[in-house]
Amino acid sequence: MKNLENYGVQELGTNELANIGGGNPILRWVGATLGSFIYDVIADWESNTVAFNEGFEETCGCE
């Protein structure tokens, strides 16, 4: 650690260490869930569009 002090690098204090935790866990969970949903929709686009159209036609009664 002594070599890094020559370059102006300092250790993080306890306050700074507490702030660097990766953010709010709920927001991380929501982001991961939303990201995986979007990935699944795009990865299997054909199947999802067919299922969506079938559900829409059943709901609105416009075949």
Protein backbone atom coordinates (compact mmCIF):
# COMPACT_ATOMS: atom_id res chain seq x y z
CA MET A 1 0.00 0.00 0.00
CA LYS A 2 2.95 2.30 0.55
CA ASN A 3 3.75 2.36 -3.20
CA LEU A 4 0.26 3.58 -4.07
CA GLU A 5 0.55 6.54 -1.71
CA ASN A 6 3.24 7.91 -4.02
CA TYR A 7 0.54 8.24 -6.73
CA GLY A 8 -1.99 9.99 -4.51
CA VAL A 9 -4.16 6.90 -3.97
CA GLN A 10 -5.75 6.57 -0.54
CA GLU A 11 -7.70 3.85 1.21
CA LEU A 12 -11.46 4.25 1.41
CA GLY A 13 -12.90 5.31 4.73
CA THR A 14 -15.68 3.35 6.44
CA ASN A 15 -18.29 5.85 5.22
CA GLU A 16 -17.16 5.45 1.63
CA LEU A 17 -17.07 1.67 1.93
CA ALA A 18 -20.66 1.66 3.19
CA ASN A 19 -21.81 3.79 0.23
CA ILE A 20 -20.26 1.47 -2.35
CA GLY A 21 -22.59 -1.47 -1.88
CA GLY A 22 -24.04 -1.90 -5.37
CA GLY A 23 -27.16 0.17 -4.86
CA ASN A 24 -30.65 -0.67 -3.72
CA PRO A 25 -31.26 -4.45 -3.79
CA ILE A 26 -34.91 -3.99 -4.77
CA LEU A 27 -33.95 -1.90 -7.80
CA ARG A 28 -31.31 -4.46 -8.76
CA TRP A 29 -33.94 -7.22 -8.57
CA VAL A 30 -36.45 -5.23 -10.64
CA GLY A 31 -33.78 -4.44 -13.22
CA ALA A 32 -32.67 -8.08 -13.48
CA THR A 33 -36.27 -9.30 -13.77
CA LEU A 34 -37.15 -6.73 -16.40
CA GLY A 35 -33.96 -7.43 -18.33
CA SER A 36 -34.56 -11.18 -18.38
CA PHE A 37 -38.17 -10.66 -19.47
CA ILE A 38 -37.12 -8.44 -22.37
CA TYR A 39 -34.41 -10.93 -23.34
CA ASP A 40 -36.91 -13.82 -23.34
CA VAL A 41 -39.37 -11.90 -25.50
CA ILE A 42 -36.74 -10.95 -28.06
CA ALA A 43 -35.06 -14.38 -28.07
CA ASP A 44 -38.32 -16.19 -28.94
CA TRP A 45 -40.07 -13.46 -30.93
CA GLU A 46 -42.09 -15.73 -33.25
CA SER A 47 -43.67 -17.75 -30.46
CA ASN A 48 -44.42 -14.64 -28.38
CA THR A 49 -46.11 -12.76 -31.22
CA VAL A 50 -48.30 -15.78 -32.05
CA ALA A 51 -49.30 -16.16 -28.39
CA PHE A 52 -49.98 -12.42 -28.07
CA ASN A 53 -52.15 -12.35 -31.18
CA GLU A 54 -54.12 -15.42 -30.06
CA GLY A 55 -54.76 -13.87 -26.66
CA PHE A 56 -55.74 -10.54 -28.20
CA GLU A 57 -58.19 -12.18 -30.58
CA GLU A 58 -59.79 -14.15 -27.72
CA THR A 59 -60.11 -11.04 -25.58
CA CYS A 60 -61.56 -8.64 -28.11
CA GLY A 61 -63.57 -11.22 -30.09
CA CYS A 62 -62.31 -9.87 -33.42
CA GLU A 63 -61.16 -12.86 -35.40
